[in-house]
Amino acid sequence: MKPVYKVIFHNQGKIYELHASSVSQDAMYAFVEIEGIIFGEHTELVVDPTEEKLKDEFAGVKRTFVPMHSIIRIDEVSKQGTNKIVESDGGGNITPFPVTMPPKSDNT
């Protein structure tokens, strides 16, 4: 069974929750690479408009790179859940940490 990752991150004042087959940090410094975004198969008449919006936003995207300081949490989960976008209330206790990443040195 292939692993499934739930990635939660800030993007333009909203909180995104995506499920993906691969998450790594080695391709581009200071970014988390999310590859193979998994969307649910709709066999029901009920369609989640939030997930449809995400499908449209990530249509044709092979990989997306999210700034490391935008990541809230990454979990390896036993099964895929629903992808969603939640409005950030601004009054919560999660604040992105403002950070400037030093350049990667070649001698490490």
PDB file of N, CA and C in Angstrom:
ATOM      1  N   MET A   1       0.831  -1.182   0.000  1.00  0.00           N
ATOM      2  CA  MET A   1       0.000   0.000   0.000  1.00  0.00           C
ATOM      3  C   MET A   1       0.880   1.251   0.000  1.00  0.00           C
ATOM      4  N   LYS A   2       0.627   2.153  -0.950  1.00  0.00           N
ATOM      5  CA  LYS A   2       1.409   3.376  -1.060  1.00  0.00           C
ATOM      6  C   LYS A   2       1.015   4.350   0.042  1.00  0.00           C
ATOM      7  N   PRO A   3       1.987   5.107   0.556  1.00  0.00           N
ATOM      8  CA  PRO A   3       1.650   6.078   1.603  1.00  0.00           C
ATOM      9  C   PRO A   3       0.835   7.241   1.030  1.00  0.00           C
ATOM     10  N   VAL A   4       0.005   7.830   1.878  1.00  0.00           N
ATOM     11  CA  VAL A   4      -0.767   9.017   1.542  1.00  0.00           C
ATOM     12  C   VAL A   4      -0.401  10.071   2.584  1.00  0.00           C
ATOM     13  N   TYR A   5      -0.121  11.283   2.114  1.00  0.00           N
ATOM     14  CA  TYR A   5       0.262  12.370   3.003  1.00  0.00           C
ATOM     15  C   TYR A   5      -0.808  13.458   2.987  1.00  0.00           C
ATOM     16  N   LYS A   6      -1.131  13.946   4.179  1.00  0.00           N
ATOM     17  CA  LYS A   6      -2.033  15.088   4.314  1.00  0.00           C
ATOM     18  C   LYS A   6      -1.152  16.292   4.621  1.00  0.00           C
ATOM     19  N   VAL A   7      -1.212  17.304   3.750  1.00  0.00           N
ATOM     20  CA  VAL A   7      -0.383  18.492   3.893  1.00  0.00           C
ATOM     21  C   VAL A   7      -1.303  19.683   4.137  1.00  0.00           C
ATOM     22  N   ILE A   8      -1.053  20.401   5.218  1.00  0.00           N
ATOM     23  CA  ILE A   8      -1.844  21.572   5.573  1.00  0.00           C
ATOM     24  C   ILE A   8      -0.920  22.777   5.525  1.00  0.00           C
ATOM     25  N   PHE A   9      -1.322  23.821   4.752  1.00  0.00           N
ATOM     26  CA  PHE A   9      -0.466  24.992   4.619  1.00  0.00           C
ATOM     27  C   PHE A   9      -1.285  26.262   4.380  1.00  0.00           C
ATOM     28  N   HIS A  10      -0.643  27.411   4.657  1.00  0.00           N
ATOM     29  CA  HIS A  10      -1.240  28.723   4.411  1.00  0.00           C
ATOM     30  C   HIS A  10      -1.008  29.108   2.958  1.00  0.00           C
ATOM     31  N   ASN A  11      -2.023  29.713   2.314  1.00  0.00           N
ATOM     32  CA  ASN A  11      -1.866  30.242   0.965  1.00  0.00           C
ATOM     33  C   ASN A  11      -2.847  31.387   0.777  1.00  0.00           C
ATOM     34  N   GLN A  12      -2.341  32.594   0.625  1.00  0.00           N
ATOM     35  CA  GLN A  12      -3.136  33.793   0.357  1.00  0.00           C
ATOM     36  C   GLN A  12      -4.289  33.963   1.345  1.00  0.00           C
ATOM     37  N   GLY A  13      -3.979  33.870   2.616  1.00  0.00           N
ATOM     38  CA  GLY A  13      -4.969  34.097   3.659  1.00  0.00           C
ATOM     39  C   GLY A  13      -5.916  32.944   3.922  1.00  0.00           C
ATOM     40  N   LYS A  14      -5.709  31.828   3.260  1.00  0.00           N
ATOM     41  CA  LYS A  14      -6.555  30.653   3.461  1.00  0.00           C
ATOM     42  C   LYS A  14      -5.678  29.477   3.880  1.00  0.00           C
ATOM     43  N   ILE A  15      -6.328  28.460   4.441  1.00  0.00           N
ATOM     44  CA  ILE A  15      -5.620  27.248   4.835  1.00  0.00           C
ATOM     45  C   ILE A  15      -6.041  26.130   3.891  1.00  0.00           C
ATOM     46  N   TYR A  16      -5.065  25.556   3.219  1.00  0.00           N
ATOM     47  CA  TYR A  16      -5.299  24.473   2.268  1.00  0.00           C
ATOM     48  C   TYR A  16      -4.982  23.144   2.944  1.00  0.00           C
ATOM     49  N   GLU A  17      -5.782  22.139   2.667  1.00  0.00           N
ATOM     50  CA  GLU A  17      -5.517  20.773   3.113  1.00  0.00           C
ATOM     51  C   GLU A  17      -5.565  19.882   1.879  1.00  0.00           C
ATOM     52  N   LEU A  18      -4.406  19.331   1.520  1.00  0.00           N
ATOM     53  CA  LEU A  18      -4.298  18.483   0.332  1.00  0.00           C
ATOM     54  C   LEU A  18      -3.813  17.103   0.722  1.00  0.00           C
ATOM     55  N   HIS A  19      -4.188  16.115  -0.064  1.00  0.00           N
ATOM     56  CA  HIS A  19      -3.688  14.755   0.095  1.00  0.00           C
ATOM     57  C   HIS A  19      -2.834  14.444  -1.129  1.00  0.00           C
ATOM     58  N   ALA A  20      -1.659  13.869  -0.902  1.00  0.00           N
ATOM     59  CA  ALA A  20      -0.726  13.625  -1.994  1.00  0.00           C
ATOM     60  C   ALA A  20      -0.002  12.304  -1.793  1.00  0.00           C
ATOM     61  N   SER A  21       0.541  11.790  -2.899  1.00  0.00           N
ATOM     62  CA  SER A  21       1.267  10.521  -2.829  1.00  0.00           C
ATOM     63  C   SER A  21       2.746  10.706  -2.501  1.00  0.00           C
ATOM     64  N   SER A  22       3.256  11.937  -2.640  1.00  0.00           N
ATOM     65  CA  SER A  22       4.671  12.167  -2.373  1.00  0.00           C
ATOM     66  C   SER A  22       4.888  13.583  -1.851  1.00  0.00           C
ATOM     67  N   VAL A  23       5.696  13.695  -0.797  1.00  0.00           N
ATOM     68  CA  VAL A  23       6.077  14.978  -0.224  1.00  0.00           C
ATOM     69  C   VAL A  23       7.561  14.910   0.076  1.00  0.00           C
ATOM     70  N   SER A  24       8.315  15.911  -0.396  1.00  0.00           N
ATOM     71  CA  SER A  24       9.753  15.931  -0.118  1.00  0.00           C
ATOM     72  C   SER A  24      10.245  17.363  -0.022  1.00  0.00           C
ATOM     73  N   GLN A  25      11.498  17.521   0.382  1.00  0.00           N
ATOM     74  CA  GLN A  25      12.072  18.843   0.583  1.00  0.00           C
ATOM     75  C   GLN A  25      13.384  19.000  -0.164  1.00  0.00           C
ATOM     76  N   ASP A  26      13.799  18.049  -0.956  1.00  0.00           N
ATOM     77  CA  ASP A  26      15.153  18.084  -1.488  1.00  0.00           C
ATOM     78  C   ASP A  26      15.303  18.742  -2.863  1.00  0.00           C
ATOM     79  N   ALA A  27      14.252  18.987  -3.609  1.00  0.00           N
ATOM     80  CA  ALA A  27      14.383  19.491  -4.980  1.00  0.00           C
ATOM     81  C   ALA A  27      14.693  20.990  -5.034  1.00  0.00           C
ATOM     82  N   MET A  28      14.064  21.780  -4.212  1.00  0.00           N
ATOM     83  CA  MET A  28      14.249  23.221  -4.251  1.00  0.00           C
ATOM     84  C   MET A  28      14.390  23.724  -2.811  1.00  0.00           C
ATOM     85  N   TYR A  29      15.498  24.377  -2.517  1.00  0.00           N
ATOM     86  CA  TYR A  29      15.793  24.819  -1.160  1.00  0.00           C
ATOM     87  C   TYR A  29      14.696  25.730  -0.610  1.00  0.00           C
ATOM     88  N   ALA A  30      14.283  25.488   0.614  1.00  0.00           N
ATOM     89  CA  ALA A  30      13.290  26.257   1.372  1.00  0.00           C
ATOM     90  C   ALA A  30      11.858  26.054   0.874  1.00  0.00           C
ATOM     91  N   PHE A  31      11.643  25.047   0.047  1.00  0.00           N
ATOM     92  CA  PHE A  31      10.305  24.716  -0.426  1.00  0.00           C
ATOM     93  C   PHE A  31      10.020  23.244  -0.162  1.00  0.00           C
ATOM     94  N   VAL A  32       8.764  22.940   0.093  1.00  0.00           N
ATOM     95  CA  VAL A  32       8.319  21.558   0.226  1.00  0.00           C
ATOM     96  C   VAL A  32       7.639  21.197  -1.088  1.00  0.00           C
ATOM     97  N   GLU A  33       8.079  20.093  -1.681  1.00  0.00           N
ATOM     98  CA  GLU A  33       7.537  19.634  -2.954  1.00  0.00           C
ATOM     99  C   GLU A  33       6.381  18.678  -2.698  1.00  0.00           C
ATOM    100  N   ILE A  34       5.228  18.987  -3.271  1.00  0.00           N
ATOM    101  CA  ILE A  34       4.048  18.133  -3.148  1.00  0.00           C
ATOM    102  C   ILE A  34       3.753  17.594  -4.537  1.00  0.00           C
ATOM    103  N   GLU A  35       3.763  16.261  -4.657  1.00  0.00           N
ATOM    104  CA  GLU A  35       3.575  15.627  -5.965  1.00  0.00           C
ATOM    105  C   GLU A  35       2.469  14.580  -5.880  1.00  0.00           C
ATOM    106  N   GLY A  36       1.721  14.449  -6.948  1.00  0.00           N
ATOM    107  CA  GLY A  36       0.669  13.443  -7.002  1.00  0.00           C
ATOM    108  C   GLY A  36      -0.498  13.774  -6.106  1.00  0.00           C
ATOM    109  N   ILE A  37      -1.065  14.963  -6.286  1.00  0.00           N
ATOM    110  CA  ILE A  37      -2.231  15.357  -5.489  1.00  0.00           C
ATOM    111  C   ILE A  37      -3.379  14.398  -5.800  1.00  0.00           C
ATOM    112  N   ILE A  38      -3.978  13.871  -4.738  1.00  0.00           N
ATOM    113  CA  ILE A  38      -5.011  12.841  -4.872  1.00  0.00           C
ATOM    114  C   ILE A  38      -6.379  13.487  -4.661  1.00  0.00           C
ATOM    115  N   PHE A  39      -7.246  13.308  -5.636  1.00  0.00           N
ATOM    116  CA  PHE A  39      -8.623  13.780  -5.518  1.00  0.00           C
ATOM    117  C   PHE A  39      -9.541  12.581  -5.459  1.00  0.00           C
ATOM    118  N   GLY A  40     -10.625  12.706  -4.694  1.00  0.00           N
ATOM    119  CA  GLY A  40     -11.581  11.623  -4.558  1.00  0.00           C
ATOM    120  C   GLY A  40     -12.358  11.397  -5.835  1.00  0.00           C
ATOM    121  N   GLU A  41     -12.766  10.160  -6.040  1.00  0.00           N
ATOM    122  CA  GLU A  41     -13.623   9.821  -7.179  1.00  0.00           C
ATOM    123  C   GLU A  41     -15.063  10.037  -6.750  1.00  0.00           C
ATOM    124  N   HIS A  42     -15.791  10.812  -7.531  1.00  0.00           N
ATOM    125  CA  HIS A  42     -17.174  11.109  -7.179  1.00  0.00           C
ATOM    126  C   HIS A  42     -18.102  10.126  -7.872  1.00  0.00           C
ATOM    127  N   THR A  43     -18.623   9.191  -7.087  1.00  0.00           N
ATOM    128  CA  THR A  43     -19.598   8.241  -7.621  1.00  0.00           C
ATOM    129  C   THR A  43     -20.993   8.574  -7.100  1.00  0.00           C
ATOM    130  N   GLU A  44     -21.054   9.627  -6.293  1.00  0.00           N
ATOM    131  CA  GLU A  44     -22.328  10.042  -5.726  1.00  0.00           C
ATOM    132  C   GLU A  44     -22.845  11.262  -6.480  1.00  0.00           C
ATOM    133  N   LEU A  45     -24.074  11.618  -6.217  1.00  0.00           N
ATOM    134  CA  LEU A  45     -24.632  12.826  -6.805  1.00  0.00           C
ATOM    135  C   LEU A  45     -24.148  14.081  -6.101  1.00  0.00           C
ATOM    136  N   VAL A  46     -23.717  13.952  -4.848  1.00  0.00           N
ATOM    137  CA  VAL A  46     -23.253  15.094  -4.080  1.00  0.00           C
ATOM    138  C   VAL A  46     -21.798  15.378  -4.448  1.00  0.00           C
ATOM    139  N   VAL A  47     -21.536  16.613  -4.853  1.00  0.00           N
ATOM    140  CA  VAL A  47     -20.189  17.027  -5.225  1.00  0.00           C
ATOM    141  C   VAL A  47     -19.762  18.139  -4.280  1.00  0.00           C
ATOM    142  N   ASP A  48     -18.558  18.021  -3.733  1.00  0.00           N
ATOM    143  CA  ASP A  48     -18.025  19.021  -2.813  1.00  0.00           C
ATOM    144  C   ASP A  48     -17.462  20.187  -3.632  1.00  0.00           C
ATOM    145  N   PRO A  49     -18.052  21.393  -3.535  1.00  0.00           N
ATOM    146  CA  PRO A  49     -17.579  22.521  -4.343  1.00  0.00           C
ATOM    147  C   PRO A  49     -16.154  22.947  -4.016  1.00  0.00           C
ATOM    148  N   THR A  50     -15.730  22.782  -2.753  1.00  0.00           N
ATOM    149  CA  THR A  50     -14.364  23.134  -2.375  1.00  0.00           C
ATOM    150  C   THR A  50     -13.360  22.242  -3.083  1.00  0.00           C
ATOM    151  N   GLU A  51     -13.635  20.934  -3.113  1.00  0.00           N
ATOM    152  CA  GLU A  51     -12.714  20.015  -3.779  1.00  0.00           C
ATOM    153  C   GLU A  51     -12.713  20.260  -5.289  1.00  0.00           C
ATOM    154  N   GLU A  52     -13.862  20.622  -5.853  1.00  0.00           N
ATOM    155  CA  GLU A  52     -13.920  20.947  -7.280  1.00  0.00           C
ATOM    156  C   GLU A  52     -13.088  22.191  -7.587  1.00  0.00           C
ATOM    157  N   LYS A  53     -13.115  23.172  -6.686  1.00  0.00           N
ATOM    158  CA  LYS A  53     -12.298  24.374  -6.855  1.00  0.00           C
ATOM    159  C   LYS A  53     -10.816  24.015  -6.834  1.00  0.00           C
ATOM    160  N   LEU A  54     -10.431  23.122  -5.919  1.00  0.00           N
ATOM    161  CA  LEU A  54      -9.032  22.681  -5.855  1.00  0.00           C
ATOM    162  C   LEU A  54      -8.638  21.909  -7.114  1.00  0.00           C
ATOM    163  N   LYS A  55      -9.546  21.081  -7.633  1.00  0.00           N
ATOM    164  CA  LYS A  55      -9.269  20.351  -8.878  1.00  0.00           C
ATOM    165  C   LYS A  55      -8.984  21.326 -10.009  1.00  0.00           C
ATOM    166  N   ASP A  56      -9.784  22.379 -10.077  1.00  0.00           N
ATOM    167  CA  ASP A  56      -9.575  23.394 -11.110  1.00  0.00           C
ATOM    168  C   ASP A  56      -8.242  24.125 -10.912  1.00  0.00           C
ATOM    169  N   GLU A  57      -7.951  24.481  -9.664  1.00  0.00           N
ATOM    170  CA  GLU A  57      -6.724  25.221  -9.367  1.00  0.00           C
ATOM    171  C   GLU A  57      -5.474  24.405  -9.679  1.00  0.00           C
ATOM    172  N   PHE A  58      -5.522  23.100  -9.419  1.00  0.00           N
ATOM    173  CA  PHE A  58      -4.349  22.255  -9.617  1.00  0.00           C
ATOM    174  C   PHE A  58      -4.443  21.392 -10.876  1.00  0.00           C
ATOM    175  N   ALA A  59      -5.365  21.698 -11.782  1.00  0.00           N
ATOM    176  CA  ALA A  59      -5.488  20.951 -13.036  1.00  0.00           C
ATOM    177  C   ALA A  59      -4.203  21.110 -13.850  1.00  0.00           C
ATOM    178  N   GLY A  60      -3.636  20.003 -14.279  1.00  0.00           N
ATOM    179  CA  GLY A  60      -2.416  20.020 -15.080  1.00  0.00           C
ATOM    180  C   GLY A  60      -1.130  20.224 -14.289  1.00  0.00           C
ATOM    181  N   VAL A  61      -1.224  20.309 -12.966  1.00  0.00           N
ATOM    182  CA  VAL A  61      -0.043  20.510 -12.127  1.00  0.00           C
ATOM    183  C   VAL A  61       0.548  19.155 -11.772  1.00  0.00           C
ATOM    184  N   LYS A  62       1.797  18.945 -12.165  1.00  0.00           N
ATOM    185  CA  LYS A  62       2.485  17.694 -11.838  1.00  0.00           C
ATOM    186  C   LYS A  62       3.038  17.751 -10.413  1.00  0.00           C
ATOM    187  N   ARG A  63       3.653  18.879 -10.080  1.00  0.00           N
ATOM    188  CA  ARG A  63       4.215  19.117  -8.742  1.00  0.00           C
ATOM    189  C   ARG A  63       3.952  20.552  -8.365  1.00  0.00           C
ATOM    190  N   THR A  64       3.776  20.793  -7.087  1.00  0.00           N
ATOM    191  CA  THR A  64       3.684  22.168  -6.601  1.00  0.00           C
ATOM    192  C   THR A  64       4.699  22.339  -5.478  1.00  0.00           C
ATOM    193  N   PHE A  65       5.268  23.526  -5.405  1.00  0.00           N
ATOM    194  CA  PHE A  65       6.271  23.827  -4.398  1.00  0.00           C
ATOM    195  C   PHE A  65       5.704  24.873  -3.454  1.00  0.00           C
ATOM    196  N   VAL A  66       5.624  24.529  -2.176  1.00  0.00           N
ATOM    197  CA  VAL A  66       5.061  25.406  -1.159  1.00  0.00           C
ATOM    198  C   VAL A  66       6.202  25.896  -0.279  1.00  0.00           C
ATOM    199  N   PRO A  67       6.283  27.211  -0.013  1.00  0.00           N
ATOM    200  CA  PRO A  67       7.344  27.699   0.869  1.00  0.00           C
ATOM    201  C   PRO A  67       7.297  26.994   2.226  1.00  0.00           C
ATOM    202  N   MET A  68       8.470  26.614   2.704  1.00  0.00           N
ATOM    203  CA  MET A  68       8.560  25.845   3.953  1.00  0.00           C
ATOM    204  C   MET A  68       7.880  26.553   5.119  1.00  0.00           C
ATOM    205  N   HIS A  69       7.990  27.882   5.181  1.00  0.00           N
ATOM    206  CA  HIS A  69       7.394  28.610   6.309  1.00  0.00           C
ATOM    207  C   HIS A  69       5.871  28.687   6.221  1.00  0.00           C
ATOM    208  N   SER A  70       5.264  28.260   5.103  1.00  0.00           N
ATOM    209  CA  SER A  70       3.803  28.238   4.978  1.00  0.00           C
ATOM    210  C   SER A  70       3.194  26.927   5.474  1.00  0.00           C
ATOM    211  N   ILE A  71       4.032  25.906   5.633  1.00  0.00           N
ATOM    212  CA  ILE A  71       3.556  24.590   6.057  1.00  0.00           C
ATOM    213  C   ILE A  71       3.135  24.634   7.524  1.00  0.00           C
ATOM    214  N   ILE A  72       1.942  24.148   7.793  1.00  0.00           N
ATOM    215  CA  ILE A  72       1.468  24.018   9.174  1.00  0.00           C
ATOM    216  C   ILE A  72       1.771  22.614   9.685  1.00  0.00           C
ATOM    217  N   ARG A  73       1.471  21.604   8.830  1.00  0.00           N
ATOM    218  CA  ARG A  73       1.614  20.222   9.290  1.00  0.00           C
ATOM    219  C   ARG A  73       1.619  19.278   8.097  1.00  0.00           C
ATOM    220  N   ILE A  74       2.396  18.195   8.219  1.00  0.00           N
ATOM    221  CA  ILE A  74       2.396  17.110   7.237  1.00  0.00           C
ATOM    222  C   ILE A  74       2.220  15.812   8.005  1.00  0.00           C
ATOM    223  N   ASP A  75       1.194  15.036   7.634  1.00  0.00           N
ATOM    224  CA  ASP A  75       0.919  13.755   8.285  1.00  0.00           C
ATOM    225  C   ASP A  75       0.913  12.647   7.248  1.00  0.00           C
ATOM    226  N   GLU A  76       1.454  11.492   7.601  1.00  0.00           N
ATOM    227  CA  GLU A  76       1.243  10.296   6.791  1.00  0.00           C
ATOM    228  C   GLU A  76      -0.015   9.647   7.343  1.00  0.00           C
ATOM    229  N   VAL A  77      -1.024   9.469   6.498  1.00  0.00           N
ATOM    230  CA  VAL A  77      -2.318   8.966   6.951  1.00  0.00           C
ATOM    231  C   VAL A  77      -2.607   7.599   6.342  1.00  0.00           C
ATOM    232  N   SER A  78      -3.524   6.871   6.952  1.00  0.00           N
ATOM    233  CA  SER A  78      -3.831   5.526   6.474  1.00  0.00           C
ATOM    234  C   SER A  78      -4.738   5.523   5.254  1.00  0.00           C
ATOM    235  N   LYS A  79      -5.542   6.573   5.084  1.00  0.00           N
ATOM    236  CA  LYS A  79      -6.389   6.657   3.893  1.00  0.00           C
ATOM    237  C   LYS A  79      -6.613   8.115   3.536  1.00  0.00           C
ATOM    238  N   GLN A  80      -6.973   8.336   2.284  1.00  0.00           N
ATOM    239  CA  GLN A  80      -7.189   9.680   1.788  1.00  0.00           C
ATOM    240  C   GLN A  80      -8.454  10.275   2.362  1.00  0.00           C
ATOM    241  N   GLY A  81      -8.388  11.547   2.719  1.00  0.00           N
ATOM    242  CA  GLY A  81      -9.561  12.281   3.161  1.00  0.00           C
ATOM    243  C   GLY A  81      -9.981  13.266   2.085  1.00  0.00           C
ATOM    244  N   THR A  82     -10.755  14.248   2.468  1.00  0.00           N
ATOM    245  CA  THR A  82     -11.238  15.255   1.533  1.00  0.00           C
ATOM    246  C   THR A  82     -10.288  16.438   1.490  1.00  0.00           C
ATOM    247  N   ASN A  83      -9.928  16.862   0.289  1.00  0.00           N
ATOM    248  CA  ASN A  83      -9.134  18.072   0.125  1.00  0.00           C
ATOM    249  C   ASN A  83     -10.059  19.261   0.352  1.00  0.00           C
ATOM    250  N   LYS A  84      -9.526  20.321   0.981  1.00  0.00           N
ATOM    251  CA  LYS A  84     -10.389  21.461   1.253  1.00  0.00           C
ATOM    252  C   LYS A  84      -9.598  22.741   1.430  1.00  0.00           C
ATOM    253  N   ILE A  85     -10.323  23.843   1.327  1.00  0.00           N
ATOM    254  CA  ILE A  85      -9.789  25.169   1.614  1.00  0.00           C
ATOM    255  C   ILE A  85     -10.648  25.745   2.729  1.00  0.00           C
ATOM    256  N   VAL A  86     -10.003  26.239   3.775  1.00  0.00           N
ATOM    257  CA  VAL A  86     -10.706  26.812   4.920  1.00  0.00           C
ATOM    258  C   VAL A  86     -10.261  28.262   5.061  1.00  0.00           C
ATOM    259  N   GLU A  87     -11.209  29.132   5.321  1.00  0.00           N
ATOM    260  CA  GLU A  87     -10.867  30.533   5.560  1.00  0.00           C
ATOM    261  C   GLU A  87     -10.058  30.628   6.846  1.00  0.00           C
ATOM    262  N   SER A  88      -8.974  31.373   6.806  1.00  0.00           N
ATOM    263  CA  SER A  88      -8.181  31.609   8.006  1.00  0.00           C
ATOM    264  C   SER A  88      -8.853  32.721   8.784  1.00  0.00           C
ATOM    265  N   ASP A  89      -9.199  32.452  10.034  1.00  0.00           N
ATOM    266  CA  ASP A  89      -9.927  33.444  10.820  1.00  0.00           C
ATOM    267  C   ASP A  89      -9.036  34.578  11.296  1.00  0.00           C
ATOM    268  N   GLY A  90      -7.723  34.389  11.227  1.00  0.00           N
ATOM    269  CA  GLY A  90      -6.803  35.451  11.628  1.00  0.00           C
ATOM    270  C   GLY A  90      -6.683  35.612  13.129  1.00  0.00           C
ATOM    271  N   GLY A  91      -7.635  35.091  13.884  1.00  0.00           N
ATOM    272  CA  GLY A  91      -7.590  35.244  15.325  1.00  0.00           C
ATOM    273  C   GLY A  91      -7.119  33.994  16.034  1.00  0.00           C
ATOM    274  N   GLY A  92      -6.705  32.986  15.277  1.00  0.00           N
ATOM    275  CA  GLY A  92      -6.274  31.729  15.870  1.00  0.00           C
ATOM    276  C   GLY A  92      -4.877  31.819  16.443  1.00  0.00           C
ATOM    277  N   ASN A  93      -4.381  30.704  16.862  1.00  0.00           N
ATOM    278  CA  ASN A  93      -3.056  30.683  17.469  1.00  0.00           C
ATOM    279  C   ASN A  93      -1.984  30.181  16.501  1.00  0.00           C
ATOM    280  N   ILE A  94      -2.301  30.088  15.201  1.00  0.00           N
ATOM    281  CA  ILE A  94      -1.302  29.678  14.210  1.00  0.00           C
ATOM    282  C   ILE A  94      -0.954  30.889  13.370  1.00  0.00           C
ATOM    283  N   THR A  95       0.308  31.288  13.450  1.00  0.00           N
ATOM    284  CA  THR A  95       0.796  32.416  12.671  1.00  0.00           C
ATOM    285  C   THR A  95       2.018  31.974  11.899  1.00  0.00           C
ATOM    286  N   PRO A  96       2.068  32.270  10.586  1.00  0.00           N
ATOM    287  CA  PRO A  96       3.268  31.909   9.837  1.00  0.00           C
ATOM    288  C   PRO A  96       4.490  32.609  10.424  1.00  0.00           C
ATOM    289  N   PHE A  97       5.570  31.900  10.544  1.00  0.00           N
ATOM    290  CA  PHE A  97       6.796  32.439  11.105  1.00  0.00           C
ATOM    291  C   PHE A  97       7.543  33.192  10.015  1.00  0.00           C
ATOM    292  N   PRO A  98       7.759  34.506  10.174  1.00  0.00           N
ATOM    293  CA  PRO A  98       8.490  35.237   9.142  1.00  0.00           C
ATOM    294  C   PRO A  98       9.971  34.879   9.220  1.00  0.00           C
ATOM    295  N   VAL A  99      10.474  34.322   8.167  1.00  0.00           N
ATOM    296  CA  VAL A  99      11.859  33.853   8.177  1.00  0.00           C
ATOM    297  C   VAL A  99      12.490  34.095   6.818  1.00  0.00           C
ATOM    298  N   THR A 100      13.733  34.474   6.842  1.00  0.00           N
ATOM    299  CA  THR A 100      14.520  34.575   5.623  1.00  0.00           C
ATOM    300  C   THR A 100      15.526  33.441   5.671  1.00  0.00           C
ATOM    301  N   MET A 101      15.475  32.571   4.678  1.00  0.00           N
ATOM    302  CA  MET A 101      16.354  31.416   4.657  1.00  0.00           C
ATOM    303  C   MET A 101      17.712  31.817   4.092  1.00  0.00           C
ATOM    304  N   PRO A 102      18.799  31.465   4.799  1.00  0.00           N
ATOM    305  CA  PRO A 102      20.138  31.757   4.267  1.00  0.00           C
ATOM    306  C   PRO A 102      20.402  30.915   3.024  1.00  0.00           C
ATOM    307  N   PRO A 103      21.247  31.415   2.132  1.00  0.00           N
ATOM    308  CA  PRO A 103      21.555  30.620   0.934  1.00  0.00           C
ATOM    309  C   PRO A 103      22.207  29.294   1.305  1.00  0.00           C
ATOM    310  N   LYS A 104      21.898  28.287   0.517  1.00  0.00           N
ATOM    311  CA  LYS A 104      22.453  26.955   0.744  1.00  0.00           C
ATOM    312  C   LYS A 104      23.926  26.966   0.345  1.00  0.00           C
ATOM    313  N   SER A 105      24.795  26.514   1.265  1.00  0.00           N
ATOM    314  CA  SER A 105      26.223  26.477   0.945  1.00  0.00           C
ATOM    315  C   SER A 105      26.549  25.161   0.252  1.00  0.00           C
ATOM    316  N   ASP A 106      27.532  25.212  -0.632  1.00  0.00           N
ATOM    317  CA  ASP A 106      27.920  24.043  -1.404  1.00  0.00           C
ATOM    318  C   ASP A 106      28.831  23.091  -0.642  1.00  0.00           C
ATOM    319  N   ASN A 107      29.375  23.519   0.482  1.00  0.00           N
ATOM    320  CA  ASN A 107      30.319  22.677   1.211  1.00  0.00           C
ATOM    321  C   ASN A 107      29.694  21.980   2.416  1.00  0.00           C
ATOM    322  N   THR A 108      28.404  21.658   2.362  1.00  0.00           N
ATOM    323  CA  THR A 108      27.784  20.875   3.439  1.00  0.00           C
ATOM    324  C   THR A 108      27.422  19.527   2.966  1.00  0.00           C
TER     325      THR A 108
END
